[in-house]
N, C-alpha and C. Protein backbone atom coordinates (compact mmCIF):
# COMPACT_ATOMS: atom_id res chain seq x y z
N UNK A 1 194.57 143.62 -75.81
CA UNK A 1 194.80 143.91 -74.49
C UNK A 1 194.03 145.58 -74.64
N UNK A 2 193.86 144.60 -72.89
CA UNK A 2 192.49 145.81 -72.50
C UNK A 2 193.03 147.02 -72.54
N UNK A 3 194.23 147.65 -72.10
CA UNK A 3 194.61 149.24 -71.40
C UNK A 3 195.79 149.23 -72.05
N UNK A 4 196.30 149.83 -72.58
CA UNK A 4 197.29 150.46 -72.83
C UNK A 4 198.16 151.51 -72.54
N UNK A 5 199.84 151.74 -71.87
CA UNK A 5 199.59 153.00 -71.96
C UNK A 5 200.94 153.51 -72.45
N UNK A 6 201.21 154.81 -73.17
CA UNK A 6 201.98 154.97 -74.65
C UNK A 6 203.45 155.59 -74.36
N UNK A 7 204.18 154.71 -74.02
CA UNK A 7 205.62 155.24 -73.90
C UNK A 7 206.61 155.50 -74.85
N UNK A 8 207.60 156.54 -74.58
CA UNK A 8 208.83 156.80 -75.54
C UNK A 8 209.45 156.43 -75.02
N UNK A 9 210.34 155.07 -75.93
CA UNK A 9 212.23 154.72 -75.93
C UNK A 9 212.48 154.45 -76.79
N UNK A 10 213.66 155.34 -76.59
CA UNK A 10 215.08 155.34 -77.58
C UNK A 10 215.69 154.16 -76.94
N UNK A 11 216.00 153.97 -77.62
CA UNK A 11 216.84 152.70 -78.14
C UNK A 11 218.35 152.28 -77.83
N UNK A 12 219.23 151.77 -78.11
CA UNK A 12 220.73 151.98 -77.62
C UNK A 12 221.32 152.89 -79.23
N UNK A 13 220.47 152.70 -80.46
CA UNK A 13 221.36 153.34 -81.70
C UNK A 13 220.50 154.46 -81.88
N UNK A 14 219.63 155.31 -80.89
CA UNK A 14 218.90 156.35 -81.15
C UNK A 14 217.32 157.17 -81.61
N UNK A 15 216.80 155.92 -81.72
CA UNK A 15 215.78 155.48 -82.72
C UNK A 15 214.87 156.17 -81.85
N UNK A 16 214.12 157.12 -81.97
CA UNK A 16 212.57 157.11 -81.19
C UNK A 16 211.83 155.77 -81.09
N UNK A 17 211.17 154.96 -80.14
CA UNK A 17 209.90 154.33 -81.14
C UNK A 17 209.07 154.88 -79.75
N UNK A 18 208.22 155.15 -79.91
CA UNK A 18 206.38 155.04 -79.20
C UNK A 18 205.90 153.90 -79.94
N UNK A 19 205.57 153.70 -78.73
CA UNK A 19 204.59 151.85 -78.40
C UNK A 19 203.71 152.22 -77.02
N UNK A 20 202.55 151.02 -77.51
CA UNK A 20 201.50 150.65 -76.90
C UNK A 20 201.66 149.47 -75.48
N UNK A 21 202.21 150.79 -74.17
CA UNK A 21 202.24 149.56 -73.71
C UNK A 21 201.57 148.88 -72.29
N UNK A 22 201.04 146.89 -72.80
CA UNK A 22 199.62 147.00 -71.55
C UNK A 22 199.97 146.94 -70.29
N UNK A 23 198.85 147.36 -69.54
CA UNK A 23 199.44 147.45 -68.34
C UNK A 23 198.48 145.93 -66.99
N UNK A 24 197.75 145.39 -68.23
CA UNK A 24 196.89 144.32 -67.90
C UNK A 24 197.72 143.21 -67.82
N UNK A 25 198.71 143.23 -67.75
CA UNK A 25 199.83 142.15 -68.19
C UNK A 25 201.09 141.78 -67.15
N UNK A 26 200.96 142.57 -65.92
CA UNK A 26 201.61 142.98 -65.13
C UNK A 26 203.19 143.04 -65.61
N UNK A 27 204.03 143.76 -66.49
CA UNK A 27 205.03 143.95 -67.35
C UNK A 27 205.72 144.74 -66.43
N UNK A 28 207.33 144.26 -66.68
CA UNK A 28 207.86 145.82 -66.23
C UNK A 28 208.69 145.84 -67.52
N UNK A 29 209.56 147.13 -67.61
CA UNK A 29 209.72 148.24 -68.30
C UNK A 29 210.44 147.41 -69.30
N UNK A 30 211.55 146.34 -68.30
CA UNK A 30 212.30 145.40 -69.44
C UNK A 30 211.60 144.35 -70.31
N UNK A 31 210.31 144.02 -69.69
CA UNK A 31 210.52 142.85 -70.55
C UNK A 31 209.59 143.58 -71.57
N UNK A 32 208.63 144.69 -71.87
CA UNK A 32 208.39 145.51 -72.72
C UNK A 32 208.67 145.80 -73.71
N UNK A 33 210.71 145.51 -73.59
CA UNK A 33 211.92 146.04 -73.97
C UNK A 33 212.06 145.13 -75.31
N UNK A 34 211.97 144.27 -74.58
CA UNK A 34 211.70 142.17 -75.11
C UNK A 34 210.65 142.14 -75.87
N UNK A 35 209.53 142.77 -75.51
CA UNK A 35 208.42 142.72 -76.01
C UNK A 35 208.12 142.82 -77.76
N UNK A 36 208.94 144.37 -77.64
CA UNK A 36 208.59 144.77 -79.08
C UNK A 36 210.01 145.02 -79.59
N UNK A 37 211.39 143.86 -78.68
CA UNK A 37 212.84 143.51 -80.05
C UNK A 37 213.28 145.25 -79.73
N UNK A 38 213.47 145.91 -79.15
CA UNK A 38 214.34 146.95 -79.01
C UNK A 38 215.46 147.45 -78.18
N UNK A 39 215.46 146.45 -78.41
CA UNK A 39 217.61 145.50 -77.69
C UNK A 39 217.15 144.28 -78.83
N UNK A 40 218.84 144.17 -79.00
CA UNK A 40 219.20 142.79 -79.84
C UNK A 40 219.32 142.31 -78.42
N UNK A 41 218.28 140.32 -79.19
CA UNK A 41 218.63 139.75 -78.13
C UNK A 41 219.73 139.04 -77.44
N UNK A 42 220.29 139.22 -76.47
CA UNK A 42 220.77 138.65 -75.36
C UNK A 42 221.65 139.55 -75.22
N UNK A 43 220.52 141.30 -75.28
CA UNK A 43 221.71 142.18 -74.75
C UNK A 43 220.74 142.93 -73.68
N UNK A 44 219.51 142.76 -73.56
CA UNK A 44 218.64 142.68 -71.95
C UNK A 44 217.92 142.45 -71.62
N UNK A 45 218.47 142.26 -69.95
CA UNK A 45 217.10 141.12 -69.23
C UNK A 45 217.77 139.89 -68.87
N UNK A 46 219.21 139.80 -69.06
CA UNK A 46 220.37 139.03 -69.63
C UNK A 46 219.67 138.36 -67.63
N UNK A 47 220.05 138.30 -66.38
CA UNK A 47 219.33 138.06 -65.62
C UNK A 47 218.08 137.79 -64.84
N UNK A 48 216.77 138.17 -66.59
CA UNK A 48 215.73 137.74 -65.96
C UNK A 48 215.08 138.81 -65.12
N UNK A 49 215.53 139.65 -65.30
CA UNK A 49 214.81 140.42 -64.16
C UNK A 49 215.08 140.64 -62.81
N UNK A 50 215.93 140.62 -62.20
CA UNK A 50 216.15 140.10 -60.77
C UNK A 50 217.11 141.48 -60.06
N UNK A 51 217.29 142.11 -60.84
CA UNK A 51 218.28 143.09 -61.04
C UNK A 51 219.50 142.48 -59.85
N UNK A 52 220.25 141.73 -60.73
CA UNK A 52 221.15 141.30 -60.45
C UNK A 52 222.54 141.22 -61.99
N UNK A 53 221.91 142.24 -62.94
CA UNK A 53 223.01 142.39 -63.99
C UNK A 53 222.91 144.27 -64.72
N UNK A 54 222.15 144.29 -64.64
CA UNK A 54 222.05 146.31 -65.12
C UNK A 54 221.71 146.45 -66.65
N UNK A 55 221.81 145.20 -66.43
CA UNK A 55 221.68 145.22 -68.90
C UNK A 55 220.58 146.24 -68.81
N UNK A 56 219.27 146.42 -68.28
CA UNK A 56 218.32 146.70 -68.61
C UNK A 56 218.39 147.97 -68.22
N UNK A 57 219.83 148.65 -67.53
CA UNK A 57 220.32 150.06 -67.38
C UNK A 57 218.72 150.59 -67.99
N UNK A 58 218.33 151.99 -67.95
CA UNK A 58 217.35 153.05 -68.57
C UNK A 58 217.90 154.59 -67.57
N UNK A 59 217.99 155.57 -68.97
CA UNK A 59 217.79 157.07 -67.82
C UNK A 59 215.71 157.34 -68.03
N UNK A 60 215.08 157.97 -67.46
CA UNK A 60 214.42 158.30 -67.01
C UNK A 60 214.01 159.28 -67.56
N UNK A 61 213.39 159.85 -68.27
CA UNK A 61 213.26 161.61 -69.34
C UNK A 61 212.73 162.05 -69.09
N UNK A 62 211.52 161.73 -67.87
CA UNK A 62 210.32 162.28 -67.74
C UNK A 62 209.87 161.88 -66.04
N UNK A 63 209.23 163.03 -65.80
CA UNK A 63 209.08 162.65 -63.63
C UNK A 63 207.53 162.18 -64.13
N UNK A 64 207.86 161.19 -63.49
CA UNK A 64 206.48 159.84 -63.59
C UNK A 64 206.93 159.46 -61.86
N UNK A 65 205.90 158.53 -60.87
CA UNK A 65 205.47 158.45 -59.87
C UNK A 65 206.19 157.20 -59.56
N UNK A 66 207.32 156.54 -60.03
CA UNK A 66 207.94 155.63 -59.74
C UNK A 66 208.14 155.03 -58.76
N UNK A 67 208.57 153.66 -58.66
CA UNK A 67 208.95 152.60 -57.05
C UNK A 67 209.80 153.40 -56.53
N UNK A 68 209.99 153.43 -55.36
CA UNK A 68 211.37 154.30 -54.92
C UNK A 68 212.39 152.74 -54.88
N UNK A 69 213.62 153.27 -55.53
CA UNK A 69 214.10 152.26 -55.69
C UNK A 69 215.07 150.94 -54.52
N UNK A 70 214.72 150.25 -54.51
CA UNK A 70 214.96 149.64 -53.39
C UNK A 70 216.76 149.65 -53.01
N UNK A 71 217.79 148.35 -52.26
CA UNK A 71 218.38 148.17 -51.76
C UNK A 71 219.42 147.60 -52.91
N UNK A 72 218.78 146.59 -53.84
CA UNK A 72 219.63 146.13 -54.82
C UNK A 72 219.98 146.26 -56.01
N UNK A 73 218.98 147.83 -56.63
CA UNK A 73 218.78 148.30 -57.44
C UNK A 73 219.54 148.80 -57.61
N UNK A 74 219.76 150.09 -56.64
CA UNK A 74 220.64 150.77 -56.04
C UNK A 74 222.09 150.17 -56.13
N UNK A 75 222.72 149.18 -55.55
CA UNK A 75 223.46 148.39 -55.22
C UNK A 75 224.21 148.00 -56.39
N UNK A 76 223.20 147.22 -57.85
CA UNK A 76 223.83 146.86 -59.18
C UNK A 76 224.16 147.74 -59.94
N UNK A 77 223.20 149.32 -59.70
CA UNK A 77 223.55 150.35 -60.50
C UNK A 77 224.57 151.42 -60.06
N UNK A 78 225.26 150.98 -58.66
CA UNK A 78 225.95 151.38 -57.79
C UNK A 78 227.53 150.62 -59.23
N UNK A 79 227.88 149.51 -59.20
CA UNK A 79 228.49 149.05 -59.57
C UNK A 79 228.14 148.49 -61.60
N UNK A 80 227.63 149.87 -61.41
CA UNK A 80 227.19 149.25 -63.17
C UNK A 80 228.80 150.73 -64.14
N UNK A 81 228.10 150.65 -65.29
CA UNK A 81 228.58 151.51 -66.50
C UNK A 81 227.79 152.57 -66.92
N UNK A 82 228.30 154.22 -67.23
CA UNK A 82 227.05 155.12 -67.80
C UNK A 82 225.75 154.63 -66.96
N UNK A 83 226.71 155.39 -65.83
CA UNK A 83 225.40 155.22 -64.40
C UNK A 83 225.20 156.65 -64.24
N UNK A 84 223.58 157.23 -64.19
CA UNK A 84 224.02 159.11 -64.50
C UNK A 84 222.38 159.56 -63.63
N UNK A 85 221.83 160.39 -63.20
CA UNK A 85 221.86 160.52 -61.85
C UNK A 85 219.41 160.24 -61.89
N UNK A 86 219.74 160.14 -63.01
CA UNK A 86 218.30 159.26 -64.07
C UNK A 86 217.92 158.11 -64.27
N UNK A 87 219.27 156.82 -63.71
CA UNK A 87 218.92 155.63 -64.16
C UNK A 87 218.33 155.18 -63.28
N UNK A 88 217.55 154.02 -63.31
CA UNK A 88 216.98 153.05 -63.54
C UNK A 88 217.16 151.30 -63.57
N UNK A 89 216.28 150.47 -63.20
CA UNK A 89 216.70 149.24 -64.03
C UNK A 89 215.08 149.37 -64.27
N UNK A 90 215.11 148.83 -66.03
CA UNK A 90 213.94 148.42 -66.52
C UNK A 90 213.53 147.81 -65.82
N UNK A 91 213.84 146.42 -65.56
CA UNK A 91 212.84 145.35 -64.54
C UNK A 91 212.49 145.83 -63.38
N UNK A 92 213.48 147.56 -62.95
CA UNK A 92 212.03 147.33 -61.70
C UNK A 92 210.71 148.40 -61.43
N UNK A 93 211.24 148.46 -63.61
CA UNK A 93 209.89 149.57 -63.20
C UNK A 93 208.79 148.92 -63.71
N UNK A 94 207.45 148.49 -62.95
CA UNK A 94 206.70 147.99 -63.49
C UNK A 94 205.32 148.72 -64.39
N UNK A 95 204.95 148.41 -65.27
CA UNK A 95 204.08 149.14 -66.31
C UNK A 95 201.97 149.29 -66.04
N UNK A 96 202.25 150.99 -65.75
CA UNK A 96 200.85 150.83 -64.27
C UNK A 96 200.98 151.88 -65.44
N UNK A 97 199.27 152.18 -65.39
CA UNK A 97 198.41 153.77 -65.45
C UNK A 97 198.89 155.02 -65.89
N UNK A 98 200.14 155.08 -64.39
CA UNK A 98 200.82 156.47 -64.18
C UNK A 98 202.23 156.63 -64.91
N UNK A 99 202.54 155.32 -65.50
CA UNK A 99 202.81 155.61 -66.68
C UNK A 99 203.20 156.35 -67.88
N UNK A 100 201.91 156.22 -68.08
CA UNK A 100 201.04 157.18 -69.52
C UNK A 100 202.09 158.38 -70.12
N UNK A 101 202.79 158.26 -70.98
CA UNK A 101 203.00 159.62 -71.25
C UNK A 101 204.86 159.51 -70.93
N UNK A 102 205.08 158.05 -70.41
CA UNK A 102 206.93 157.91 -69.72
C UNK A 102 207.77 158.86 -71.07
N UNK A 103 208.75 158.60 -70.98
CA UNK A 103 210.09 158.49 -71.71
C UNK A 103 211.18 158.29 -71.20
N UNK A 104 211.81 157.52 -71.67
CA UNK A 104 213.28 156.42 -71.20
C UNK A 104 213.91 156.23 -72.74
N UNK A 105 215.37 156.23 -72.05
CA UNK A 105 216.61 156.19 -73.48
C UNK A 105 217.38 154.26 -72.11
N UNK A 106 217.38 154.02 -73.52
CA UNK A 106 218.32 153.08 -73.05
C UNK A 106 219.38 153.09 -72.99
N UNK A 107 220.60 152.18 -71.42
CA UNK A 107 221.65 153.06 -72.06
C UNK A 107 222.96 152.29 -72.60
N UNK A 108 223.27 152.74 -72.49
CA UNK A 108 224.45 151.84 -74.09
C UNK A 108 224.91 150.06 -73.30
N UNK A 109 225.27 149.51 -74.22
CA UNK A 109 225.67 148.10 -73.92
C UNK A 109 226.46 147.99 -73.02
N UNK A 110 227.92 148.66 -73.26
CA UNK A 110 229.13 148.56 -72.25
C UNK A 110 228.84 148.93 -71.17
């Protein structure tokens, strides 16, 4: 891993994980959560990152320059449970150098 950004992720049990996320692998946040096994297998990224299931919903706790929400993400969040004003789908957040210091919390499973 040539370049990493430090990200803080609070899992669904309330445990804080400080991880190094690679920026050179074109990963999104959902894939990083799966890579570090921060959610039980089969409970996150069920649709494979296509913004079609909301299983990777998270709450963005810091102000970072995220890509603007697209129509498919907005539509999926409008049908999801436990949505907050700072909800995003992890599969729609690319890991870039600008994500340094990002803090998120995984939304409840149900």
